[in-house]
Amino acid sequence: MHANSSYTPRYTERRMASLLGISEEEFSRLSHSGLRDLTDSYGVVYK
């Protein structure tokens, strides 16, 4: 996370799997970057 980001969403395997439409077990098998943020020039997370 960027130092100037004010909020980090709850990141759980269950939540991410649900958003992706796969099971928690399937998500746990995937190699990935982890949840990252994109910020604008003011440091506000937009994605």
All heavy atoms as atom14 arrays in JSON, in Angstrom:
{
  "sequence": "MHANSSYTPRYTERRMASLLGISEEEFSRLSHSGLRDLTDSYGVVYK",
  "atom14_mask": [
    [1, 1, 1, 1, 1, 1, 1, 1, 0, 0, 0, 0, 0, 0],
    [1, 1, 1, 1, 1, 1, 1, 1, 1, 1, 0, 0, 0, 0],
    [1, 1, 1, 1, 1, 0, 0, 0, 0, 0, 0, 0, 0, 0],
    [1, 1, 1, 1, 1, 1, 1, 1, 0, 0, 0, 0, 0, 0],
    [1, 1, 1, 1, 1, 1, 0, 0, 0, 0, 0, 0, 0, 0],
    [1, 1, 1, 1, 1, 1, 0, 0, 0, 0, 0, 0, 0, 0],
    [1, 1, 1, 1, 1, 1, 1, 1, 1, 1, 1, 1, 0, 0],
    [1, 1, 1, 1, 1, 1, 1, 0, 0, 0, 0, 0, 0, 0],
    [1, 1, 1, 1, 1, 1, 1, 0, 0, 0, 0, 0, 0, 0],
    [1, 1, 1, 1, 1, 1, 1, 1, 1, 1, 1, 0, 0, 0],
    [1, 1, 1, 1, 1, 1, 1, 1, 1, 1, 1, 1, 0, 0],
    [1, 1, 1, 1, 1, 1, 1, 0, 0, 0, 0, 0, 0, 0],
    [1, 1, 1, 1, 1, 1, 1, 1, 1, 0, 0, 0, 0, 0],
    [1, 1, 1, 1, 1, 1, 1, 1, 1, 1, 1, 0, 0, 0],
    [1, 1, 1, 1, 1, 1, 1, 1, 1, 1, 1, 0, 0, 0],
    [1, 1, 1, 1, 1, 1, 1, 1, 0, 0, 0, 0, 0, 0],
    [1, 1, 1, 1, 1, 0, 0, 0, 0, 0, 0, 0, 0, 0],
    [1, 1, 1, 1, 1, 1, 0, 0, 0, 0, 0, 0, 0, 0],
    [1, 1, 1, 1, 1, 1, 1, 1, 0, 0, 0, 0, 0, 0],
    [1, 1, 1, 1, 1, 1, 1, 1, 0, 0, 0, 0, 0, 0],
    [1, 1, 1, 1, 0, 0, 0, 0, 0, 0, 0, 0, 0, 0],
    [1, 1, 1, 1, 1, 1, 1, 1, 0, 0, 0, 0, 0, 0],
    [1, 1, 1, 1, 1, 1, 0, 0, 0, 0, 0, 0, 0, 0],
    [1, 1, 1, 1, 1, 1, 1, 1, 1, 0, 0, 0, 0, 0],
    [1, 1, 1, 1, 1, 1, 1, 1, 1, 0, 0, 0, 0, 0],
    [1, 1, 1, 1, 1, 1, 1, 1, 1, 0, 0, 0, 0, 0],
    [1, 1, 1, 1, 1, 1, 1, 1, 1, 1, 1, 0, 0, 0],
    [1, 1, 1, 1, 1, 1, 0, 0, 0, 0, 0, 0, 0, 0],
    [1, 1, 1, 1, 1, 1, 1, 1, 1, 1, 1, 0, 0, 0],
    [1, 1, 1, 1, 1, 1, 1, 1, 0, 0, 0, 0, 0, 0],
    [1, 1, 1, 1, 1, 1, 0, 0, 0, 0, 0, 0, 0, 0],
    [1, 1, 1, 1, 1, 1, 1, 1, 1, 1, 0, 0, 0, 0],
    [1, 1, 1, 1, 1, 1, 0, 0, 0, 0, 0, 0, 0, 0],
    [1, 1, 1, 1, 0, 0, 0, 0, 0, 0, 0, 0, 0, 0],
    [1, 1, 1, 1, 1, 1, 1, 1, 0, 0, 0, 0, 0, 0],
    [1, 1, 1, 1, 1, 1, 1, 1, 1, 1, 1, 0, 0, 0],
    [1, 1, 1, 1, 1, 1, 1, 1, 0, 0, 0, 0, 0, 0],
    [1, 1, 1, 1, 1, 1, 1, 1, 0, 0, 0, 0, 0, 0],
    [1, 1, 1, 1, 1, 1, 1, 0, 0, 0, 0, 0, 0, 0],
    [1, 1, 1, 1, 1, 1, 1, 1, 0, 0, 0, 0, 0, 0],
    [1, 1, 1, 1, 1, 1, 0, 0, 0, 0, 0, 0, 0, 0],
    [1, 1, 1, 1, 1, 1, 1, 1, 1, 1, 1, 1, 0, 0],
    [1, 1, 1, 1, 0, 0, 0, 0, 0, 0, 0, 0, 0, 0],
    [1, 1, 1, 1, 1, 1, 1, 0, 0, 0, 0, 0, 0, 0],
    [1, 1, 1, 1, 1, 1, 1, 0, 0, 0, 0, 0, 0, 0],
    [1, 1, 1, 1, 1, 1, 1, 1, 1, 1, 1, 1, 0, 0],
    [1, 1, 1, 1, 1, 1, 1, 1, 1, 0, 0, 0, 0, 0]
  ],
  "atom14_positions": [
    [[0.84, -1.19, 0.0], [0.0, 0.0, 0.0], [0.88, 1.24, 0.0], [1.93, 1.26, 0.57], [-0.88, 0.04, 1.25], [-1.99, -0.98, 1.31], [-3.26, -0.77, 0.08], [-3.94, 0.8, 0.54], [0.0, 0.0, 0.0], [0.0, 0.0, 0.0], [0.0, 0.0, 0.0], [0.0, 0.0, 0.0], [0.0, 0.0, 0.0], [0.0, 0.0, 0.0]],
    [[0.37, 2.25, -0.6], [1.06, 3.53, -0.58], [0.92, 4.13, 0.81], [-0.1, 3.98, 1.47], [0.44, 4.48, -1.61], [0.64, 4.01, -3.0], [1.41, 4.68, -3.89], [0.18, 2.91, -3.67], [1.41, 4.04, -5.04], [0.67, 2.96, -4.93], [0.0, 0.0, 0.0], [0.0, 0.0, 0.0], [0.0, 0.0, 0.0], [0.0, 0.0, 0.0]],
    [[1.93, 4.84, 1.25], [1.92, 5.42, 2.59], [0.79, 6.41, 2.78], [0.29, 6.57, 3.88], [3.26, 6.1, 2.87], [0.0, 0.0, 0.0], [0.0, 0.0, 0.0], [0.0, 0.0, 0.0], [0.0, 0.0, 0.0], [0.0, 0.0, 0.0], [0.0, 0.0, 0.0], [0.0, 0.0, 0.0], [0.0, 0.0, 0.0], [0.0, 0.0, 0.0]],
    [[0.35, 7.06, 1.71], [-0.68, 8.06, 1.86], [-2.08, 7.53, 1.62], [-3.03, 8.28, 1.59], [-0.4, 9.27, 0.95], [-0.23, 8.86, -0.49], [-0.37, 7.69, -0.83], [0.08, 9.82, -1.34], [0.0, 0.0, 0.0], [0.0, 0.0, 0.0], [0.0, 0.0, 0.0], [0.0, 0.0, 0.0], [0.0, 0.0, 0.0], [0.0, 0.0, 0.0]],
    [[-2.25, 6.25, 1.44], [-3.58, 5.67, 1.32], [-4.21, 5.62, 2.7], [-3.57, 5.19, 3.66], [-3.51, 4.26, 0.74], [-2.98, 4.3, -0.56], [0.0, 0.0, 0.0], [0.0, 0.0, 0.0], [0.0, 0.0, 0.0], [0.0, 0.0, 0.0], [0.0, 0.0, 0.0], [0.0, 0.0, 0.0], [0.0, 0.0, 0.0], [0.0, 0.0, 0.0]],
    [[-5.44, 6.04, 2.79], [-6.05, 6.16, 4.11], [-6.86, 4.94, 4.53], [-7.2, 4.8, 5.68], [-6.94, 7.4, 4.15], [-7.98, 7.28, 3.19], [0.0, 0.0, 0.0], [0.0, 0.0, 0.0], [0.0, 0.0, 0.0], [0.0, 0.0, 0.0], [0.0, 0.0, 0.0], [0.0, 0.0, 0.0], [0.0, 0.0, 0.0], [0.0, 0.0, 0.0]],
    [[-7.18, 4.05, 3.6], [-8.01, 2.92, 3.94], [-7.57, 1.69, 3.17], [-7.34, 1.77, 1.97], [-9.48, 3.21, 3.61], [-10.38, 2.04, 3.84], [-10.74, 1.65, 5.12], [-10.84, 1.27, 2.78], [-11.55, 0.55, 5.34], [-11.64, 0.17, 2.99], [-12.0, -0.18, 4.27], [-12.77, -1.27, 4.49], [0.0, 0.0, 0.0], [0.0, 0.0, 0.0]],
    [[-7.46, 0.59, 3.87], [-7.15, -0.68, 3.23], [-8.36, -1.58, 3.4], [-8.78, -1.83, 4.54], [-5.93, -1.35, 3.9], [-4.83, -0.45, 3.82], [-5.59, -2.65, 3.21], [0.0, 0.0, 0.0], [0.0, 0.0, 0.0], [0.0, 0.0, 0.0], [0.0, 0.0, 0.0], [0.0, 0.0, 0.0], [0.0, 0.0, 0.0], [0.0, 0.0, 0.0]],
    [[-8.95, -2.07, 2.31], [-10.13, -2.93, 2.46], [-9.74, -4.26, 3.1], [-8.59, -4.66, 3.06], [-10.59, -3.14, 1.02], [-9.38, -2.92, 0.2], [-8.56, -1.9, 0.94], [0.0, 0.0, 0.0], [0.0, 0.0, 0.0], [0.0, 0.0, 0.0], [0.0, 0.0, 0.0], [0.0, 0.0, 0.0], [0.0, 0.0, 0.0], [0.0, 0.0, 0.0]],
    [[-10.73, -4.9, 3.7], [-10.48, -6.22, 4.27], [-10.2, -7.18, 3.13], [-10.98, -7.3, 2.2], [-11.69, -6.69, 5.05], [-11.52, -6.43, 6.52], [-12.66, -6.91, 7.33], [-12.63, -8.36, 7.47], [-13.69, -9.07, 7.75], [-14.86, -8.51, 7.92], [-13.59, -10.37, 7.88], [0.0, 0.0, 0.0], [0.0, 0.0, 0.0], [0.0, 0.0, 0.0]],
    [[-9.09, -7.82, 3.2], [-8.65, -8.75, 2.16], [-8.6, -10.14, 2.75], [-7.74, -10.43, 3.57], [-7.29, -8.31, 1.63], [-6.59, -9.32, 0.77], [-7.14, -9.73, -0.43], [-5.38, -9.86, 1.15], [-6.51, -10.65, -1.24], [-4.73, -10.79, 0.36], [-5.3, -11.17, -0.84], [-4.67, -12.09, -1.63], [0.0, 0.0, 0.0], [0.0, 0.0, 0.0]],
    [[-9.54, -10.96, 2.39], [-9.51, -12.36, 2.82], [-9.63, -13.23, 1.58], [-10.17, -12.81, 0.55], [-10.68, -12.7, 3.77], [-11.92, -12.54, 3.05], [-10.68, -11.79, 5.0], [0.0, 0.0, 0.0], [0.0, 0.0, 0.0], [0.0, 0.0, 0.0], [0.0, 0.0, 0.0], [0.0, 0.0, 0.0], [0.0, 0.0, 0.0], [0.0, 0.0, 0.0]],
    [[-9.13, -14.43, 1.68], [-9.24, -15.37, 0.56], [-10.7, -15.61, 0.23], [-11.08, -15.7, -0.93], [-8.52, -16.67, 0.87], [-7.02, -16.52, 0.81], [-6.27, -17.85, 0.84], [-6.91, -18.91, 0.94], [-5.04, -17.81, 0.73], [0.0, 0.0, 0.0], [0.0, 0.0, 0.0], [0.0, 0.0, 0.0], [0.0, 0.0, 0.0], [0.0, 0.0, 0.0]],
    [[-11.54, -15.71, 1.25], [-12.96, -15.95, 1.02], [-13.58, -14.81, 0.21], [-14.31, -15.04, -0.75], [-13.7, -16.1, 2.35], [-15.2, -16.29, 2.16], [-15.88, -16.48, 3.47], [-15.37, -17.7, 4.06], [-15.71, -18.14, 5.26], [-16.53, -17.46, 6.01], [-15.21, -19.26, 5.72], [0.0, 0.0, 0.0], [0.0, 0.0, 0.0], [0.0, 0.0, 0.0]],
    [[-13.27, -13.57, 0.59], [-13.83, -12.4, -0.1], [-13.33, -12.32, -1.54], [-14.09, -12.08, -2.46], [-13.44, -11.13, 0.67], [-13.92, -9.86, 0.04], [-15.4, -9.67, 0.29], [-15.81, -8.4, -0.24], [-16.84, -8.23, -1.05], [-17.59, -9.25, -1.37], [-17.15, -7.04, -1.5], [0.0, 0.0, 0.0], [0.0, 0.0, 0.0], [0.0, 0.0, 0.0]],
    [[-12.04, -12.51, -1.75], [-11.48, -12.43, -3.09], [-12.02, -13.56, -3.97], [-12.37, -13.33, -5.13], [-9.96, -12.45, -3.06], [-9.33, -11.29, -2.33], [-9.97, -9.65, -2.73], [-9.82, -9.58, -4.48], [0.0, 0.0, 0.0], [0.0, 0.0, 0.0], [0.0, 0.0, 0.0], [0.0, 0.0, 0.0], [0.0, 0.0, 0.0], [0.0, 0.0, 0.0]],
    [[-12.1, -14.75, -3.44], [-12.64, -15.88, -4.2], [-14.08, -15.59, -4.62], [-14.46, -15.82, -5.77], [-12.56, -17.15, -3.37], [0.0, 0.0, 0.0], [0.0, 0.0, 0.0], [0.0, 0.0, 0.0], [0.0, 0.0, 0.0], [0.0, 0.0, 0.0], [0.0, 0.0, 0.0], [0.0, 0.0, 0.0], [0.0, 0.0, 0.0], [0.0, 0.0, 0.0]],
    [[-14.86, -15.06, -3.71], [-16.25, -14.73, -4.01], [-16.34, -13.7, -5.14], [-17.12, -13.85, -6.08], [-16.93, -14.19, -2.75], [-18.23, -13.73, -3.05], [0.0, 0.0, 0.0], [0.0, 0.0, 0.0], [0.0, 0.0, 0.0], [0.0, 0.0, 0.0], [0.0, 0.0, 0.0], [0.0, 0.0, 0.0], [0.0, 0.0, 0.0], [0.0, 0.0, 0.0]],
    [[-15.53, -12.65, -5.08], [-15.54, -11.63, -6.12], [-15.09, -12.19, -7.48], [-15.55, -11.74, -8.52], [-14.62, -10.47, -5.74], [-15.15, -9.54, -4.64], [-14.05, -8.6, -4.18], [-16.34, -8.74, -5.16], [0.0, 0.0, 0.0], [0.0, 0.0, 0.0], [0.0, 0.0, 0.0], [0.0, 0.0, 0.0], [0.0, 0.0, 0.0], [0.0, 0.0, 0.0]],
    [[-14.21, -13.16, -7.44], [-13.69, -13.77, -8.67], [-14.57, -14.89, -9.21], [-14.38, -15.35, -10.33], [-12.27, -14.29, -8.45], [-11.23, -13.22, -8.17], [-9.95, -13.87, -7.65], [-10.96, -12.39, -9.42], [0.0, 0.0, 0.0], [0.0, 0.0, 0.0], [0.0, 0.0, 0.0], [0.0, 0.0, 0.0], [0.0, 0.0, 0.0], [0.0, 0.0, 0.0]],
    [[-15.52, -15.35, -8.39], [-16.41, -16.42, -8.82], [-15.8, -17.8, -8.77], [-16.18, -18.68, -9.55], [0.0, 0.0, 0.0], [0.0, 0.0, 0.0], [0.0, 0.0, 0.0], [0.0, 0.0, 0.0], [0.0, 0.0, 0.0], [0.0, 0.0, 0.0], [0.0, 0.0, 0.0], [0.0, 0.0, 0.0], [0.0, 0.0, 0.0], [0.0, 0.0, 0.0]],
    [[-14.85, -17.98, -7.86], [-14.21, -19.29, -7.68], [-14.27, -19.67, -6.2], [-14.6, -18.84, -5.36], [-12.75, -19.31, -8.19], [-11.9, -18.28, -7.44], [-12.72, -19.08, -9.7], [-10.43, -18.28, -7.82], [0.0, 0.0, 0.0], [0.0, 0.0, 0.0], [0.0, 0.0, 0.0], [0.0, 0.0, 0.0], [0.0, 0.0, 0.0], [0.0, 0.0, 0.0]],
    [[-13.91, -20.9, -5.9], [-13.93, -21.34, -4.51], [-12.7, -20.8, -3.76], [-11.69, -20.43, -4.37], [-13.94, -22.87, -4.42], [-12.68, -23.4, -4.78], [0.0, 0.0, 0.0], [0.0, 0.0, 0.0], [0.0, 0.0, 0.0], [0.0, 0.0, 0.0], [0.0, 0.0, 0.0], [0.0, 0.0, 0.0], [0.0, 0.0, 0.0], [0.0, 0.0, 0.0]],
    [[-12.81, -20.79, -2.46], [-11.7, -20.36, -1.62], [-10.49, -21.27, -1.83], [-9.35, -20.8, -1.88], [-12.15, -20.38, -0.16], [-11.27, -19.63, 0.78], [-11.86, -19.54, 2.17], [-13.07, -19.75, 2.36], [-11.09, -19.24, 3.1], [0.0, 0.0, 0.0], [0.0, 0.0, 0.0], [0.0, 0.0, 0.0], [0.0, 0.0, 0.0], [0.0, 0.0, 0.0]],
    [[-10.74, -22.55, -2.0], [-9.65, -23.51, -2.22], [-8.96, -23.23, -3.55], [-7.73, -23.26, -3.64], [-10.21, -24.95, -2.18], [-9.16, -26.03, -2.18], [-8.76, -26.44, -3.61], [-9.62, -26.39, -4.51], [-7.58, -26.76, -3.81], [0.0, 0.0, 0.0], [0.0, 0.0, 0.0], [0.0, 0.0, 0.0], [0.0, 0.0, 0.0], [0.0, 0.0, 0.0]],
    [[-9.74, -22.93, -4.58], [-9.15, -22.61, -5.89], [-8.31, -21.33, -5.8], [-7.21, -21.27, -6.33], [-10.25, -22.44, -6.94], [-10.91, -23.74, -7.33], [-12.13, -23.54, -8.18], [-12.91, -22.58, -7.94], [-12.33, -24.36, -9.11], [0.0, 0.0, 0.0], [0.0, 0.0, 0.0], [0.0, 0.0, 0.0], [0.0, 0.0, 0.0], [0.0, 0.0, 0.0]],
    [[-8.83, -20.33, -5.11], [-8.08, -19.08, -4.95], [-6.76, -19.33, -4.23], [-5.73, -18.77, -4.59], [-8.91, -18.03, -4.21], [-8.19, -16.73, -4.07], [-8.09, -15.85, -5.15], [-7.61, -16.36, -2.88], [-7.42, -14.65, -5.03], [-6.94, -15.15, -2.74], [-6.84, -14.3, -3.82], [0.0, 0.0, 0.0], [0.0, 0.0, 0.0], [0.0, 0.0, 0.0]],
    [[-6.78, -20.18, -3.22], [-5.56, -20.44, -2.45], [-4.48, -21.13, -3.29], [-3.3, -21.06, -2.95], [-5.88, -21.26, -1.2], [-6.23, -22.59, -1.55], [0.0, 0.0, 0.0], [0.0, 0.0, 0.0], [0.0, 0.0, 0.0], [0.0, 0.0, 0.0], [0.0, 0.0, 0.0], [0.0, 0.0, 0.0], [0.0, 0.0, 0.0], [0.0, 0.0, 0.0]],
    [[-4.87, -21.79, -4.37], [-3.9, -22.46, -5.25], [-3.26, -21.51, -6.26], [-2.29, -21.87, -6.91], [-4.58, -23.6, -6.02], [-5.01, -24.76, -5.16], [-5.38, -25.98, -5.97], [-5.92, -25.72, -7.29], [-7.13, -26.09, -7.71], [-7.93, -26.74, -6.9], [-7.52, -25.83, -8.94], [0.0, 0.0, 0.0], [0.0, 0.0, 0.0], [0.0, 0.0, 0.0]],
    [[-3.82, -20.33, -6.41], [-3.33, -19.39, -7.43], [-2.13, -18.59, -6.94], [-2.11, -18.11, -5.8], [-4.44, -18.41, -7.82], [-5.6, -19.0, -8.6], [-6.73, -17.99, -8.72], [-5.13, -19.44, -9.98], [0.0, 0.0, 0.0], [0.0, 0.0, 0.0], [0.0, 0.0, 0.0], [0.0, 0.0, 0.0], [0.0, 0.0, 0.0], [0.0, 0.0, 0.0]],
    [[-1.17, -18.44, -7.8], [-0.03, -17.57, -7.54], [-0.4, -16.19, -8.07], [-0.78, -16.04, -9.23], [1.2, -18.12, -8.28], [2.28, -17.25, -8.11], [0.0, 0.0, 0.0], [0.0, 0.0, 0.0], [0.0, 0.0, 0.0], [0.0, 0.0, 0.0], [0.0, 0.0, 0.0], [0.0, 0.0, 0.0], [0.0, 0.0, 0.0], [0.0, 0.0, 0.0]],
    [[-0.3, -15.18, -7.18], [-0.73, -13.83, -7.56], [0.02, -12.77, -6.76], [0.74, -13.08, -5.82], [-2.24, -13.67, -7.35], [-2.69, -13.96, -5.95], [-2.61, -13.04, -4.94], [-3.19, -15.08, -5.4], [-3.07, -13.57, -3.83], [-3.43, -14.82, -4.08], [0.0, 0.0, 0.0], [0.0, 0.0, 0.0], [0.0, 0.0, 0.0], [0.0, 0.0, 0.0]],
    [[-0.19, -11.53, -7.15], [0.51, -10.39, -6.54], [-0.03, -9.99, -5.18], [0.61, -9.22, -4.46], [0.41, -9.18, -7.46], [-0.95, -8.75, -7.56], [0.0, 0.0, 0.0], [0.0, 0.0, 0.0], [0.0, 0.0, 0.0], [0.0, 0.0, 0.0], [0.0, 0.0, 0.0], [0.0, 0.0, 0.0], [0.0, 0.0, 0.0], [0.0, 0.0, 0.0]],
    [[-1.2, -10.47, -4.83], [-1.89, -9.94, -3.66], [-2.64, -8.68, -4.08], [-2.46, -8.17, -5.19], [0.0, 0.0, 0.0], [0.0, 0.0, 0.0], [0.0, 0.0, 0.0], [0.0, 0.0, 0.0], [0.0, 0.0, 0.0], [0.0, 0.0, 0.0], [0.0, 0.0, 0.0], [0.0, 0.0, 0.0], [0.0, 0.0, 0.0], [0.0, 0.0, 0.0]],
    [[-3.46, -8.19, -3.22], [-4.26, -7.01, -3.53], [-3.37, -5.77, -3.51], [-2.68, -5.5, -2.54], [-5.39, -6.86, -2.51], [-6.43, -5.8, -2.8], [-7.18, -6.12, -4.09], [-7.4, -5.69, -1.64], [0.0, 0.0, 0.0], [0.0, 0.0, 0.0], [0.0, 0.0, 0.0], [0.0, 0.0, 0.0], [0.0, 0.0, 0.0], [0.0, 0.0, 0.0]],
    [[-3.38, -5.02, -4.62], [-2.59, -3.8, -4.76], [-3.53, -2.64, -5.06], [-4.64, -2.85, -5.53], [-1.6, -3.92, -5.92], [-0.73, -5.14, -5.89], [0.36, -5.0, -4.87], [1.17, -6.2, -4.85], [2.46, -6.21, -4.73], [3.13, -5.09, -4.63], [3.12, -7.33, -4.7], [0.0, 0.0, 0.0], [0.0, 0.0, 0.0], [0.0, 0.0, 0.0]],
    [[-3.08, -1.43, -4.81], [-3.93, -0.28, -5.11], [-3.31, 0.61, -6.17], [-2.12, 0.57, -6.43], [-4.25, 0.52, -3.86], [-3.04, 1.17, -3.23], [-1.98, 1.26, -3.87], [-3.14, 1.62, -2.08], [0.0, 0.0, 0.0], [0.0, 0.0, 0.0], [0.0, 0.0, 0.0], [0.0, 0.0, 0.0], [0.0, 0.0, 0.0], [0.0, 0.0, 0.0]],
    [[-4.18, 1.37, -6.82], [-3.78, 2.42, -7.75], [-4.31, 3.72, -7.19], [-5.47, 3.81, -6.81], [-4.38, 2.18, -9.14], [-3.88, 0.94, -9.87], [-4.66, 0.74, -11.16], [-2.39, 1.07, -10.17], [0.0, 0.0, 0.0], [0.0, 0.0, 0.0], [0.0, 0.0, 0.0], [0.0, 0.0, 0.0], [0.0, 0.0, 0.0], [0.0, 0.0, 0.0]],
    [[-3.44, 4.73, -7.13], [-3.84, 6.01, -6.55], [-3.7, 7.12, -7.59], [-2.89, 7.04, -8.51], [-2.99, 6.37, -5.32], [-1.61, 6.42, -5.71], [-3.17, 5.36, -4.21], [0.0, 0.0, 0.0], [0.0, 0.0, 0.0], [0.0, 0.0, 0.0], [0.0, 0.0, 0.0], [0.0, 0.0, 0.0], [0.0, 0.0, 0.0], [0.0, 0.0, 0.0]],
    [[-4.49, 8.18, -7.38], [-4.36, 9.33, -8.26], [-3.25, 10.24, -7.73], [-2.56, 9.9, -6.76], [-5.7, 10.07, -8.4], [-6.21, 10.66, -7.09], [-5.42, 10.82, -6.13], [-7.41, 10.99, -7.03], [0.0, 0.0, 0.0], [0.0, 0.0, 0.0], [0.0, 0.0, 0.0], [0.0, 0.0, 0.0], [0.0, 0.0, 0.0], [0.0, 0.0, 0.0]],
    [[-3.07, 11.37, -8.35], [-1.96, 12.27, -7.97], [-2.12, 12.86, -6.57], [-1.17, 13.39, -6.01], [-1.83, 13.39, -9.01], [-3.02, 14.14, -9.08], [0.0, 0.0, 0.0], [0.0, 0.0, 0.0], [0.0, 0.0, 0.0], [0.0, 0.0, 0.0], [0.0, 0.0, 0.0], [0.0, 0.0, 0.0], [0.0, 0.0, 0.0], [0.0, 0.0, 0.0]],
    [[-3.33, 12.74, -6.0], [-3.57, 13.22, -4.63], [-3.43, 12.11, -3.59], [-3.63, 12.33, -2.4], [-4.96, 13.84, -4.52], [-5.13, 15.06, -5.39], [-5.82, 14.98, -6.6], [-4.58, 16.28, -5.03], [-5.95, 16.09, -7.42], [-4.71, 17.39, -5.84], [-5.4, 17.29, -7.03], [-5.53, 18.39, -7.85], [0.0, 0.0, 0.0], [0.0, 0.0, 0.0]],
    [[-3.12, 10.91, -4.06], [-2.97, 9.79, -3.15], [-4.27, 9.08, -2.82], [-4.3, 8.21, -1.96], [0.0, 0.0, 0.0], [0.0, 0.0, 0.0], [0.0, 0.0, 0.0], [0.0, 0.0, 0.0], [0.0, 0.0, 0.0], [0.0, 0.0, 0.0], [0.0, 0.0, 0.0], [0.0, 0.0, 0.0], [0.0, 0.0, 0.0], [0.0, 0.0, 0.0]],
    [[-5.34, 9.4, -3.53], [-6.64, 8.76, -3.31], [-6.71, 7.47, -4.13], [-6.44, 7.47, -5.33], [-7.8, 9.71, -3.71], [-9.14, 9.01, -3.56], [-7.74, 10.98, -2.88], [0.0, 0.0, 0.0], [0.0, 0.0, 0.0], [0.0, 0.0, 0.0], [0.0, 0.0, 0.0], [0.0, 0.0, 0.0], [0.0, 0.0, 0.0], [0.0, 0.0, 0.0]],
    [[-7.06, 6.39, -3.46], [-7.18, 5.1, -4.14], [-8.42, 5.12, -5.02], [-9.51, 5.44, -4.56], [-7.27, 3.94, -3.13], [-7.53, 2.62, -3.84], [-6.02, 3.86, -2.28], [0.0, 0.0, 0.0], [0.0, 0.0, 0.0], [0.0, 0.0, 0.0], [0.0, 0.0, 0.0], [0.0, 0.0, 0.0], [0.0, 0.0, 0.0], [0.0, 0.0, 0.0]],
    [[-8.23, 4.82, -6.3], [-9.39, 4.78, -7.2], [-9.63, 3.38, -7.77], [-10.68, 3.13, -8.36], [-9.25, 5.8, -8.32], [-8.13, 5.56, -9.29], [-8.32, 4.81, -10.45], [-6.85, 6.08, -9.05], [-7.28, 4.59, -11.34], [-5.82, 5.88, -9.94], [-6.04, 5.13, -11.08], [-5.0, 4.91, -11.96], [0.0, 0.0, 0.0], [0.0, 0.0, 0.0]],
    [[-8.7, 2.47, -7.56], [-8.86, 1.12, -8.08], [-7.9, 0.18, -7.35], [-6.84, 0.59, -6.91], [-8.53, 1.13, -9.57], [-9.01, -0.06, -10.33], [-8.62, 0.02, -11.8], [-9.32, 1.15, -12.52], [-9.06, 1.14, -13.98], [0.0, 0.0, 0.0], [0.0, 0.0, 0.0], [0.0, 0.0, 0.0], [0.0, 0.0, 0.0], [0.0, 0.0, 0.0]]
  ]
}
